[in-house]
N, C-alpha and C. Protein backbone atom coordinates (compact mmCIF):
# COMPACT_ATOMS: atom_id res chain seq x y z
N UNK A 1 170.06 205.69 17.65
CA UNK A 1 170.90 205.10 16.72
C UNK A 1 170.08 204.95 15.39
N UNK A 2 170.48 205.44 14.19
CA UNK A 2 169.63 205.15 13.02
C UNK A 2 169.69 203.73 12.56
N UNK A 3 168.65 203.36 11.93
CA UNK A 3 168.56 201.91 11.46
C UNK A 3 169.59 201.68 10.36
N UNK A 4 170.12 200.45 10.36
CA UNK A 4 171.22 200.23 9.32
C UNK A 4 170.50 200.30 7.85
N UNK A 5 171.28 200.63 6.93
CA UNK A 5 170.84 200.70 5.48
C UNK A 5 171.15 199.40 4.96
N UNK A 6 170.16 198.57 4.74
CA UNK A 6 170.37 197.28 4.14
C UNK A 6 169.77 197.19 2.72
N UNK A 7 169.26 198.32 2.22
CA UNK A 7 168.77 198.24 0.84
C UNK A 7 168.99 199.57 0.20
N UNK A 8 169.27 199.57 -1.01
CA UNK A 8 169.48 200.86 -1.78
C UNK A 8 168.21 201.70 -1.77
N UNK A 9 167.08 201.17 -1.71
CA UNK A 9 165.70 201.81 -1.73
C UNK A 9 165.65 202.63 -0.43
N UNK A 10 166.33 202.47 0.50
CA UNK A 10 166.25 203.13 1.80
C UNK A 10 166.89 204.61 1.57
N UNK A 11 167.77 204.79 0.66
CA UNK A 11 168.41 206.01 0.41
C UNK A 11 167.73 206.95 -0.55
N UNK A 12 168.01 208.22 -0.21
CA UNK A 12 167.26 209.30 -1.15
C UNK A 12 168.13 209.40 -2.46
N UNK A 13 167.50 209.13 -3.52
CA UNK A 13 168.32 209.16 -4.82
C UNK A 13 168.79 210.63 -5.09
N UNK A 14 168.20 211.64 -4.48
CA UNK A 14 168.64 213.07 -4.62
C UNK A 14 169.49 213.53 -3.65
N UNK A 15 169.75 212.60 -2.62
CA UNK A 15 170.68 213.11 -1.50
C UNK A 15 172.05 213.13 -1.87
N UNK A 16 172.86 213.71 -0.92
CA UNK A 16 174.36 213.75 -1.09
C UNK A 16 175.01 212.87 0.03
N UNK A 17 175.95 212.06 -0.40
CA UNK A 17 176.51 211.13 0.54
C UNK A 17 178.03 211.16 0.35
N UNK A 18 178.71 210.73 1.54
CA UNK A 18 180.07 210.65 1.66
C UNK A 18 180.56 209.24 1.68
N UNK A 19 181.87 209.09 1.68
CA UNK A 19 182.56 207.70 1.79
C UNK A 19 182.07 207.21 3.26
N UNK A 20 182.07 207.91 4.18
CA UNK A 20 181.65 207.51 5.53
C UNK A 20 180.29 206.93 5.46
N UNK A 21 179.36 207.50 4.71
CA UNK A 21 178.08 206.89 4.51
C UNK A 21 178.22 205.55 3.73
N UNK A 22 178.98 205.61 2.68
CA UNK A 22 179.15 204.47 1.67
C UNK A 22 179.64 203.23 2.47
N UNK A 23 180.53 203.31 3.30
CA UNK A 23 181.10 202.16 3.99
C UNK A 23 180.22 201.71 4.98
N UNK A 24 179.20 202.45 5.50
CA UNK A 24 178.17 201.89 6.48
C UNK A 24 177.10 201.22 5.84
N UNK A 25 176.94 201.32 4.62
CA UNK A 25 175.72 200.64 3.91
C UNK A 25 175.98 199.02 3.95
N UNK A 26 174.90 198.33 4.17
CA UNK A 26 174.98 196.86 4.35
C UNK A 26 174.30 196.13 3.24
N UNK A 27 174.13 196.72 2.03
CA UNK A 27 173.53 195.99 0.88
C UNK A 27 174.77 195.61 -0.03
N UNK A 28 174.50 194.67 -0.89
CA UNK A 28 175.52 194.18 -1.67
C UNK A 28 175.58 194.74 -3.11
N UNK A 29 174.57 195.46 -3.51
CA UNK A 29 174.53 196.13 -4.80
C UNK A 29 175.70 196.97 -5.00
N UNK A 30 176.29 196.94 -6.08
CA UNK A 30 177.67 197.87 -6.27
C UNK A 30 177.02 199.13 -6.77
N UNK A 31 177.48 200.27 -6.11
CA UNK A 31 177.15 201.60 -6.41
C UNK A 31 178.42 202.41 -6.48
N UNK A 32 178.41 203.62 -7.13
CA UNK A 32 179.45 204.58 -7.03
C UNK A 32 178.90 205.86 -6.48
N UNK A 33 179.85 206.71 -6.01
CA UNK A 33 179.46 208.07 -5.64
C UNK A 33 180.19 209.04 -6.53
N UNK A 34 179.38 209.86 -7.25
CA UNK A 34 179.96 210.90 -8.17
C UNK A 34 179.58 212.26 -7.63
N UNK A 35 180.48 212.88 -6.88
CA UNK A 35 180.24 214.19 -6.36
C UNK A 35 179.15 214.09 -5.28
N UNK A 36 179.11 213.04 -4.59
CA UNK A 36 178.08 212.80 -3.50
C UNK A 36 176.79 212.18 -4.01
N UNK A 37 176.63 212.01 -5.30
CA UNK A 37 175.36 211.36 -5.84
C UNK A 37 175.52 209.91 -6.12
N UNK A 38 174.60 209.13 -5.75
CA UNK A 38 174.53 207.66 -5.87
C UNK A 38 174.36 207.37 -7.50
N UNK A 39 175.30 206.58 -7.86
CA UNK A 39 175.25 205.99 -9.21
C UNK A 39 175.34 204.48 -9.21
N UNK A 40 174.19 203.89 -9.53
CA UNK A 40 174.07 202.41 -9.50
C UNK A 40 174.40 201.81 -10.79
N UNK A 41 174.90 200.60 -10.76
CA UNK A 41 175.05 199.85 -12.02
C UNK A 41 173.79 199.68 -12.69
N UNK A 42 173.63 199.99 -13.98
CA UNK A 42 172.43 200.05 -14.78
C UNK A 42 172.06 198.58 -15.10
N UNK A 43 173.09 197.75 -15.35
CA UNK A 43 172.87 196.29 -15.77
C UNK A 43 174.12 195.58 -15.67
N UNK A 44 174.07 194.19 -15.66
CA UNK A 44 175.24 193.39 -15.57
C UNK A 44 176.19 193.61 -16.87
N UNK A 45 177.43 193.61 -16.77
CA UNK A 45 178.21 193.73 -17.92
C UNK A 45 178.02 192.56 -18.93
N UNK A 46 178.22 192.94 -20.16
CA UNK A 46 178.00 191.93 -21.21
C UNK A 46 179.18 190.99 -21.23
N UNK A 47 179.13 189.92 -21.91
CA UNK A 47 180.28 189.00 -22.05
C UNK A 47 181.43 189.65 -22.75
N UNK A 48 181.12 190.58 -23.71
CA UNK A 48 182.10 191.02 -24.59
C UNK A 48 182.87 192.15 -23.73
N UNK A 49 182.08 192.88 -22.76
CA UNK A 49 182.68 193.77 -21.89
C UNK A 49 183.76 193.07 -20.96
N UNK A 50 183.30 191.95 -20.33
CA UNK A 50 184.17 191.20 -19.44
C UNK A 50 185.28 190.60 -20.16
N UNK A 51 185.19 190.15 -21.40
CA UNK A 51 186.23 189.53 -22.21
C UNK A 51 187.33 190.61 -22.36
N UNK A 52 186.96 191.91 -22.72
CA UNK A 52 188.10 192.89 -22.94
C UNK A 52 188.72 193.36 -21.67
N UNK A 53 187.88 193.44 -20.58
CA UNK A 53 188.44 193.72 -19.25
C UNK A 53 189.41 192.73 -18.93
N UNK A 54 189.12 191.45 -19.10
CA UNK A 54 189.93 190.37 -18.68
C UNK A 54 191.20 190.37 -19.55
N UNK A 55 191.15 190.60 -20.82
CA UNK A 55 192.37 190.65 -21.70
C UNK A 55 193.30 191.81 -21.25
N UNK A 56 192.69 192.99 -21.10
CA UNK A 56 193.53 194.14 -20.69
C UNK A 56 194.22 193.83 -19.41
N UNK A 57 193.48 193.44 -18.48
CA UNK A 57 193.99 193.16 -17.02
C UNK A 57 195.09 192.14 -17.18
N UNK A 58 194.87 191.10 -17.95
CA UNK A 58 195.89 190.04 -18.13
C UNK A 58 197.20 190.60 -18.57
N UNK A 59 197.12 191.41 -19.66
CA UNK A 59 198.35 191.99 -20.25
C UNK A 59 198.97 192.95 -19.38
N UNK A 60 198.32 193.73 -18.70
CA UNK A 60 198.84 194.69 -17.64
C UNK A 60 199.51 193.97 -16.57
N UNK A 61 198.79 192.93 -15.98
CA UNK A 61 199.32 192.18 -14.92
C UNK A 61 200.68 191.40 -15.30
N UNK A 62 200.63 190.91 -16.52
CA UNK A 62 202.02 190.18 -16.87
C UNK A 62 203.05 191.26 -17.15
N UNK A 63 202.90 192.41 -17.63
CA UNK A 63 203.77 193.45 -17.89
C UNK A 63 204.29 193.99 -16.38
N UNK A 64 203.47 194.06 -15.59
CA UNK A 64 203.85 194.81 -14.25
C UNK A 64 204.28 193.87 -13.20
N UNK A 65 204.50 192.59 -13.49
CA UNK A 65 204.99 191.64 -12.50
C UNK A 65 206.35 191.97 -11.97
N UNK A 66 206.52 192.08 -10.62
CA UNK A 66 207.64 192.44 -10.07
C UNK A 66 208.06 193.91 -10.31
N UNK A 67 207.20 194.85 -10.68
CA UNK A 67 207.36 196.19 -10.85
C UNK A 67 206.62 197.06 -9.73
N UNK A 68 206.91 198.23 -9.71
CA UNK A 68 206.42 199.20 -8.66
C UNK A 68 204.99 199.41 -8.90
N UNK A 69 204.50 199.59 -10.19
CA UNK A 69 203.05 199.88 -10.42
C UNK A 69 202.31 198.64 -10.23
N UNK A 70 201.01 198.88 -9.81
CA UNK A 70 200.16 197.83 -9.52
C UNK A 70 198.86 197.94 -10.39
N UNK A 71 198.30 196.88 -10.77
CA UNK A 71 196.87 197.12 -11.63
C UNK A 71 195.93 196.35 -10.77
N UNK A 72 194.67 197.00 -10.85
CA UNK A 72 193.51 196.50 -10.09
C UNK A 72 192.30 196.44 -11.02
N UNK A 73 191.43 195.54 -10.67
CA UNK A 73 190.24 195.30 -11.58
C UNK A 73 188.97 195.41 -10.79
N UNK A 74 187.87 195.93 -11.30
CA UNK A 74 186.63 196.20 -10.57
C UNK A 74 186.17 194.87 -10.15
N UNK A 75 185.47 194.71 -9.05
CA UNK A 75 185.13 195.82 -8.09
C UNK A 75 186.21 196.22 -7.24
N UNK A 76 186.49 197.45 -7.24
CA UNK A 76 187.70 198.03 -6.48
C UNK A 76 187.36 199.44 -6.16
N UNK A 77 187.34 199.80 -5.04
CA UNK A 77 186.99 201.23 -4.61
C UNK A 77 188.20 202.17 -4.92
N UNK A 78 187.94 203.16 -5.64
CA UNK A 78 188.94 204.22 -5.84
C UNK A 78 188.36 205.55 -5.26
N UNK A 79 188.85 206.08 -4.28
CA UNK A 79 188.49 207.25 -3.55
C UNK A 79 189.15 208.54 -4.20
N UNK A 80 188.42 209.53 -4.53
CA UNK A 80 189.01 210.68 -5.20
C UNK A 80 188.70 211.91 -4.32
N UNK A 81 189.59 212.09 -3.29
CA UNK A 81 189.20 213.20 -2.43
C UNK A 81 189.74 214.55 -2.95
N UNK A 82 189.07 215.58 -2.52
CA UNK A 82 189.61 216.88 -2.87
C UNK A 82 190.88 217.15 -2.32
N UNK A 83 191.80 218.02 -2.80
CA UNK A 83 193.14 218.26 -2.29
C UNK A 83 193.05 218.71 -0.84
N UNK A 84 193.90 218.10 0.00
CA UNK A 84 194.03 218.55 1.45
C UNK A 84 193.12 217.87 2.32
N UNK A 85 192.26 217.01 1.90
CA UNK A 85 191.22 216.35 2.73
C UNK A 85 191.05 214.93 2.50
N UNK A 86 191.38 214.09 3.43
CA UNK A 86 191.18 212.65 3.09
C UNK A 86 190.33 211.88 4.15
N UNK A 87 189.74 212.68 5.00
CA UNK A 87 188.78 212.05 5.96
C UNK A 87 187.52 211.39 5.21
N UNK A 88 187.20 210.31 5.68
CA UNK A 88 186.02 209.65 5.02
C UNK A 88 184.77 210.50 4.87
N UNK A 89 184.41 211.39 5.84
CA UNK A 89 183.26 212.12 5.82
C UNK A 89 183.40 213.34 4.75
N UNK A 90 184.75 213.60 4.35
CA UNK A 90 184.92 214.68 3.41
C UNK A 90 185.11 214.16 1.97
N UNK A 91 185.04 212.94 1.76
CA UNK A 91 185.24 212.34 0.29
C UNK A 91 183.90 212.01 -0.13
N UNK A 92 183.57 212.59 -1.34
CA UNK A 92 182.22 212.41 -1.86
C UNK A 92 182.26 211.80 -3.24
N UNK A 93 183.41 211.33 -3.73
CA UNK A 93 183.52 210.58 -4.91
C UNK A 93 184.22 209.24 -4.67
N UNK A 94 183.55 208.15 -5.03
CA UNK A 94 184.06 206.76 -4.85
C UNK A 94 183.67 206.10 -6.11
N UNK A 95 184.61 205.72 -7.03
CA UNK A 95 184.35 205.00 -8.27
C UNK A 95 184.89 203.68 -8.27
N UNK A 96 184.46 202.89 -9.23
CA UNK A 96 185.02 201.44 -9.47
C UNK A 96 185.30 201.41 -10.95
N UNK A 97 186.52 201.85 -11.20
CA UNK A 97 186.93 201.70 -12.65
C UNK A 97 187.06 200.33 -13.09
N UNK A 98 186.80 199.94 -14.36
CA UNK A 98 187.01 198.64 -14.80
C UNK A 98 188.41 198.23 -14.48
N UNK A 99 189.51 198.94 -14.73
CA UNK A 99 190.76 198.73 -14.55
C UNK A 99 191.50 200.03 -14.09
N UNK A 100 192.43 199.95 -13.18
CA UNK A 100 193.27 201.05 -12.78
C UNK A 100 194.65 200.61 -12.57
N UNK A 101 195.63 201.51 -12.82
CA UNK A 101 197.08 201.16 -12.56
C UNK A 101 197.49 202.37 -11.59
N UNK A 102 198.07 201.86 -10.50
CA UNK A 102 198.54 202.77 -9.44
C UNK A 102 200.11 202.62 -9.28
N UNK A 103 200.85 203.65 -9.35
CA UNK A 103 202.17 203.55 -9.39
C UNK A 103 202.77 204.13 -8.01
N UNK A 104 201.95 204.81 -7.17
CA UNK A 104 202.32 205.19 -5.85
C UNK A 104 201.76 204.18 -4.82
N UNK A 105 202.75 203.36 -4.24
CA UNK A 105 202.13 202.34 -3.34
C UNK A 105 201.43 202.88 -2.03
N UNK A 106 201.83 204.16 -1.72
CA UNK A 106 201.17 204.81 -0.56
C UNK A 106 199.69 204.94 -0.71
N UNK A 107 199.21 204.89 -2.03
CA UNK A 107 197.83 205.06 -2.20
C UNK A 107 196.94 203.80 -2.07
N UNK A 108 197.77 202.70 -2.04
CA UNK A 108 197.04 201.44 -1.91
C UNK A 108 196.69 201.08 -0.50
N UNK A 109 195.43 200.88 -0.08
CA UNK A 109 195.17 200.55 1.29
C UNK A 109 194.31 199.30 1.19
N UNK A 110 193.99 198.83 2.44
CA UNK A 110 193.11 197.62 2.52
C UNK A 110 191.75 197.91 1.89
N UNK A 111 191.23 199.10 1.95
CA UNK A 111 189.90 199.44 1.47
C UNK A 111 189.90 199.91 0.06
N UNK A 112 191.07 199.86 -0.62
CA UNK A 112 191.10 200.29 -2.07
C UNK A 112 192.28 201.36 -2.27
N UNK A 113 191.97 202.25 -3.19
CA UNK A 113 192.94 203.23 -3.56
C UNK A 113 192.50 204.54 -3.10
N UNK A 114 193.43 205.37 -2.34
CA UNK A 114 192.99 206.71 -1.90
C UNK A 114 193.87 207.65 -2.74
N UNK A 115 193.12 208.31 -3.65
CA UNK A 115 193.90 209.25 -4.54
C UNK A 115 193.79 208.82 -5.89
N UNK A 116 194.09 209.61 -6.84
CA UNK A 116 193.99 209.34 -8.41
C UNK A 116 195.03 208.29 -8.78
N UNK A 117 194.51 207.16 -9.38
CA UNK A 117 195.53 206.19 -10.10
C UNK A 117 196.22 206.98 -11.16
N UNK A 118 197.24 206.37 -11.70
CA UNK A 118 197.91 206.89 -12.76
C UNK A 118 197.31 206.71 -14.17
N UNK A 119 196.51 205.46 -14.34
CA UNK A 119 195.84 205.24 -15.44
C UNK A 119 194.62 204.51 -15.08
N UNK A 120 193.48 204.98 -15.66
CA UNK A 120 192.11 204.34 -15.57
C UNK A 120 191.69 203.97 -16.97
N UNK A 121 191.15 202.77 -17.11
CA UNK A 121 190.50 202.21 -18.25
C UNK A 121 189.03 201.89 -17.90
N UNK A 122 188.24 202.42 -18.78
CA UNK A 122 186.83 202.15 -18.67
C UNK A 122 186.28 201.45 -20.09
N UNK A 123 185.66 200.30 -20.08
CA UNK A 123 185.14 199.67 -21.11
C UNK A 123 183.66 199.99 -21.17
N UNK A 124 183.29 200.74 -22.15
CA UNK A 124 181.87 201.35 -22.24
C UNK A 124 180.87 200.30 -22.48
N UNK A 125 179.83 200.34 -21.72
CA UNK A 125 178.52 199.72 -22.04
C UNK A 125 177.61 200.54 -22.56
N UNK A 126 176.62 200.14 -23.42
CA UNK A 126 175.68 201.10 -24.03
C UNK A 126 175.00 202.06 -23.00
N UNK A 127 174.67 201.54 -21.94
CA UNK A 127 173.78 202.39 -20.93
C UNK A 127 174.80 203.18 -19.89
N UNK A 128 176.02 202.95 -20.11
CA UNK A 128 176.93 203.88 -19.28
C UNK A 128 177.86 204.74 -20.05
N UNK A 129 177.56 204.87 -21.34
CA UNK A 129 178.39 205.63 -22.23
C UNK A 129 178.47 207.06 -21.85
N UNK A 130 177.32 207.64 -21.50
CA UNK A 130 177.39 209.04 -21.07
C UNK A 130 178.14 209.29 -19.85
N UNK A 131 178.10 208.27 -18.93
CA UNK A 131 178.79 208.45 -17.66
C UNK A 131 180.25 208.41 -17.92
N UNK A 132 180.66 207.42 -18.75
CA UNK A 132 182.27 207.25 -19.08
C UNK A 132 182.75 208.38 -19.76
N UNK A 133 182.04 208.87 -20.76
CA UNK A 133 182.51 209.99 -21.67
C UNK A 133 182.43 211.31 -21.07
N UNK A 134 181.47 211.65 -20.18
CA UNK A 134 181.29 213.03 -19.70
C UNK A 134 181.52 213.01 -18.13
N UNK A 135 180.71 212.25 -17.25
CA UNK A 135 180.77 212.45 -15.79
C UNK A 135 182.09 211.92 -15.32
N UNK A 136 182.52 210.78 -15.67
CA UNK A 136 183.81 210.29 -15.14
C UNK A 136 185.02 210.96 -15.95
N UNK A 137 184.88 211.29 -17.18
CA UNK A 137 185.79 212.03 -17.74
C UNK A 137 186.21 213.26 -17.08
N UNK A 138 185.09 214.12 -16.72
CA UNK A 138 185.36 215.24 -15.96
C UNK A 138 185.93 215.01 -14.55
N UNK A 139 185.46 214.04 -13.93
CA UNK A 139 185.99 213.68 -12.58
C UNK A 139 187.42 213.33 -12.64
N UNK A 140 187.68 212.50 -13.52
CA UNK A 140 189.16 211.86 -13.64
C UNK A 140 190.13 213.09 -13.92
N UNK A 141 189.66 214.02 -14.86
CA UNK A 141 190.39 215.06 -15.24
C UNK A 141 190.61 216.02 -13.98
N UNK A 142 189.62 216.25 -13.31
CA UNK A 142 189.71 217.19 -12.09
C UNK A 142 190.57 216.57 -10.96
N UNK A 143 190.55 215.11 -10.89
CA UNK A 143 191.10 214.52 -9.71
C UNK A 143 192.66 214.43 -10.03
N UNK A 144 193.00 214.53 -11.34
CA UNK A 144 194.39 214.40 -11.71
C UNK A 144 194.85 213.01 -12.11
N UNK A 145 193.87 212.20 -12.66
CA UNK A 145 194.27 210.90 -13.29
C UNK A 145 195.05 211.22 -14.46
N UNK A 146 196.24 210.74 -14.54
CA UNK A 146 197.21 211.13 -15.65
C UNK A 146 196.86 210.70 -17.02
N UNK A 147 196.16 209.42 -17.12
CA UNK A 147 195.80 208.89 -18.32
C UNK A 147 194.50 208.17 -18.21
N UNK A 148 193.74 208.38 -19.31
CA UNK A 148 192.38 207.81 -19.31
C UNK A 148 192.13 207.12 -20.64
N UNK A 149 191.74 205.83 -20.57
CA UNK A 149 191.50 205.12 -21.89
C UNK A 149 189.91 204.77 -21.82
N UNK A 150 189.31 205.00 -22.88
CA UNK A 150 187.95 204.56 -23.23
C UNK A 150 187.77 203.67 -24.25
N UNK A 151 187.37 202.41 -23.96
CA UNK A 151 187.27 201.39 -24.83
C UNK A 151 185.81 201.09 -25.28
N UNK A 152 185.61 201.05 -26.63
CA UNK A 152 184.30 200.74 -27.23
C UNK A 152 184.38 199.30 -27.88
N UNK A 153 183.71 198.49 -27.16
CA UNK A 153 183.74 197.08 -27.45
C UNK A 153 183.10 196.76 -28.91
N UNK A 154 182.13 197.38 -29.25
CA UNK A 154 181.44 196.93 -30.47
C UNK A 154 182.09 197.60 -31.73
N UNK A 155 182.81 198.68 -31.57
CA UNK A 155 183.63 199.33 -32.61
C UNK A 155 185.13 198.89 -32.64
N UNK A 156 185.51 198.16 -31.64
CA UNK A 156 186.90 197.75 -31.56
C UNK A 156 187.79 198.97 -31.59
N UNK A 157 187.33 199.93 -30.72
CA UNK A 157 187.96 201.36 -30.75
C UNK A 157 188.55 201.63 -29.25
N UNK A 158 189.66 202.18 -29.17
CA UNK A 158 190.26 202.62 -27.99
C UNK A 158 190.85 203.91 -27.96
N UNK A 159 190.30 204.94 -27.22
CA UNK A 159 190.72 206.30 -27.26
C UNK A 159 191.56 206.49 -26.00
N UNK A 160 192.72 207.26 -26.21
CA UNK A 160 193.63 207.51 -25.07
C UNK A 160 193.67 208.96 -24.89
N UNK A 161 193.42 209.38 -23.60
CA UNK A 161 193.51 210.77 -23.25
C UNK A 161 194.70 210.91 -22.14
N UNK A 162 195.39 211.97 -22.29
CA UNK A 162 196.54 212.31 -21.34
C UNK A 162 196.26 213.58 -20.86
N UNK A 163 196.58 213.66 -19.50
CA UNK A 163 196.40 215.05 -18.80
C UNK A 163 197.50 215.92 -19.12
N UNK A 164 197.24 216.97 -19.74
CA UNK A 164 198.14 217.94 -20.09
C UNK A 164 198.55 218.82 -18.77
N UNK A 165 199.98 218.74 -18.53
CA UNK A 165 200.42 219.36 -17.18
C UNK A 165 200.25 220.90 -17.12
N UNK A 166 200.23 221.46 -18.27
CA UNK A 166 200.14 222.94 -18.35
C UNK A 166 198.71 223.50 -18.11
N UNK A 167 197.66 222.73 -18.75
CA UNK A 167 196.36 223.25 -18.74
C UNK A 167 195.42 222.37 -17.74
N UNK A 168 196.07 221.32 -17.29
CA UNK A 168 195.37 220.30 -16.37
C UNK A 168 193.98 219.90 -17.02
N UNK A 169 194.12 219.74 -18.39
CA UNK A 169 192.94 219.30 -19.02
C UNK A 169 193.35 218.04 -19.89
N UNK A 170 192.38 217.08 -20.18
CA UNK A 170 192.69 215.92 -21.04
C UNK A 170 192.92 216.44 -22.63
N UNK A 171 193.76 215.78 -23.14
CA UNK A 171 193.88 215.95 -24.58
C UNK A 171 193.97 214.49 -25.24
N UNK A 172 193.29 214.32 -26.32
CA UNK A 172 193.41 213.12 -27.00
C UNK A 172 194.68 212.88 -27.72
N UNK A 173 195.33 211.79 -27.47
CA UNK A 173 196.73 211.62 -28.02
C UNK A 173 196.65 210.35 -28.99
N UNK A 174 195.54 209.67 -29.03
CA UNK A 174 195.47 208.65 -30.01
C UNK A 174 194.21 207.93 -29.90
N UNK A 175 193.70 207.44 -31.03
CA UNK A 175 192.53 206.64 -31.27
C UNK A 175 192.93 205.41 -32.05
N UNK A 176 192.72 204.25 -31.47
CA UNK A 176 193.19 203.03 -32.06
C UNK A 176 192.05 202.16 -32.46
N UNK A 177 191.87 201.90 -33.81
CA UNK A 177 190.65 201.15 -34.41
C UNK A 177 191.12 200.16 -35.31
N UNK A 178 192.39 199.79 -35.44
CA UNK A 178 192.82 198.88 -36.28
C UNK A 178 194.14 198.30 -35.94
N UNK A 179 194.75 197.36 -36.60
CA UNK A 179 195.88 196.67 -36.19
C UNK A 179 197.16 197.67 -36.01
N UNK A 180 197.90 197.44 -34.90
CA UNK A 180 199.07 198.24 -34.66
C UNK A 180 199.22 198.37 -33.20
N UNK A 181 200.42 198.91 -32.71
CA UNK A 181 200.66 199.14 -31.30
C UNK A 181 199.85 200.16 -30.67
N UNK A 182 199.62 200.01 -29.30
CA UNK A 182 198.79 200.95 -28.56
C UNK A 182 199.81 201.46 -27.49
N UNK A 183 200.41 202.75 -27.72
CA UNK A 183 201.34 203.21 -26.72
C UNK A 183 200.70 203.62 -25.41
N UNK A 184 201.46 203.58 -24.36
CA UNK A 184 200.87 204.02 -22.98
C UNK A 184 201.96 204.94 -22.38
N UNK A 185 201.50 206.21 -22.09
CA UNK A 185 202.46 206.99 -21.56
C UNK A 185 202.75 206.62 -20.04
N UNK A 186 201.86 206.07 -19.38
CA UNK A 186 202.02 205.64 -17.96
C UNK A 186 203.06 204.52 -17.88
N UNK A 187 202.95 203.59 -18.82
CA UNK A 187 203.79 202.49 -18.95
C UNK A 187 204.49 202.41 -20.31
N UNK A 188 205.58 203.22 -20.48
CA UNK A 188 206.12 203.32 -21.85
C UNK A 188 206.79 202.06 -22.41
N UNK A 189 207.10 201.02 -21.28
CA UNK A 189 207.57 199.69 -21.86
C UNK A 189 206.53 198.68 -22.20
N UNK A 190 205.25 199.00 -22.02
CA UNK A 190 204.19 198.12 -22.27
C UNK A 190 204.15 197.76 -23.81
N UNK A 191 204.14 196.50 -24.26
CA UNK A 191 203.99 196.07 -25.57
C UNK A 191 202.60 195.70 -25.84
N UNK A 192 201.71 196.59 -26.03
CA UNK A 192 200.29 196.26 -26.15
C UNK A 192 199.88 196.38 -27.66
N UNK A 193 199.14 195.49 -28.25
CA UNK A 193 198.78 195.51 -29.72
C UNK A 193 197.42 195.42 -29.86
N UNK A 194 196.83 196.24 -30.67
CA UNK A 194 195.34 196.30 -30.92
C UNK A 194 194.82 194.93 -31.30
N UNK A 195 195.56 194.13 -32.05
CA UNK A 195 195.16 192.71 -32.45
C UNK A 195 195.00 191.85 -31.38
N UNK A 196 195.77 192.00 -30.31
CA UNK A 196 195.69 191.06 -29.16
C UNK A 196 194.46 191.57 -28.27
N UNK A 197 194.27 192.68 -28.10
CA UNK A 197 193.15 193.21 -27.27
C UNK A 197 191.94 192.80 -27.88
N UNK A 198 191.70 193.07 -29.29
CA UNK A 198 190.46 192.86 -29.86
C UNK A 198 190.32 191.49 -30.63
N UNK A 199 191.19 190.51 -30.31
CA UNK A 199 191.33 189.33 -31.17
C UNK A 199 190.05 188.52 -31.14
N UNK A 200 189.26 188.59 -30.25
CA UNK A 200 187.97 187.77 -30.24
C UNK A 200 186.91 188.30 -31.03
N UNK A 201 187.10 189.61 -31.46
CA UNK A 201 186.14 190.28 -32.25
C UNK A 201 186.78 191.16 -33.28
N UNK A 202 187.42 190.46 -34.31
CA UNK A 202 188.16 191.20 -35.26
C UNK A 202 187.35 192.06 -36.10
N UNK A 203 187.91 193.18 -36.62
CA UNK A 203 187.20 194.16 -37.39
C UNK A 203 186.80 193.47 -38.75
């Protein structure tokens, strides 16, 4: 029987791992799997990052009260399996988005979300910018996440991408960097305003 994995240092950083491996690890450090590769948190989130995550989560939670869609905030495992396979050993992507909205209740399990959420929001940190703009962008697009928001805390900027049903590619539908409403295709009744989101750090 192999020795339990109690430290991230026991793993091969160049190895390929599955969700079955992921759930067997016994260390507390938060990591993600992107196409089987381990991605560790590079640093603790800044206060500004956490403030924005908290504000967006609060507004989404209030809007979705007693509704079908559910909002979740990190740490929360989102498994993105390839189509037709949901076995733990066959899943090689497990992410922890800052915020996700899931409108299909069958995807919500005790271990997190199995399948693509309808909306994912990532609040960018300086050291994770490339991951959010490229690696996760490509993964979310490929997995079929219908709407992806990227929030830039220091620029008070929010970019909204929507998955085109014809091309299965993301297209930028809005960039919000000043006062006004922020529409949401996933939740058309959401009354979200830029000034409320970025109120603690006005432009």
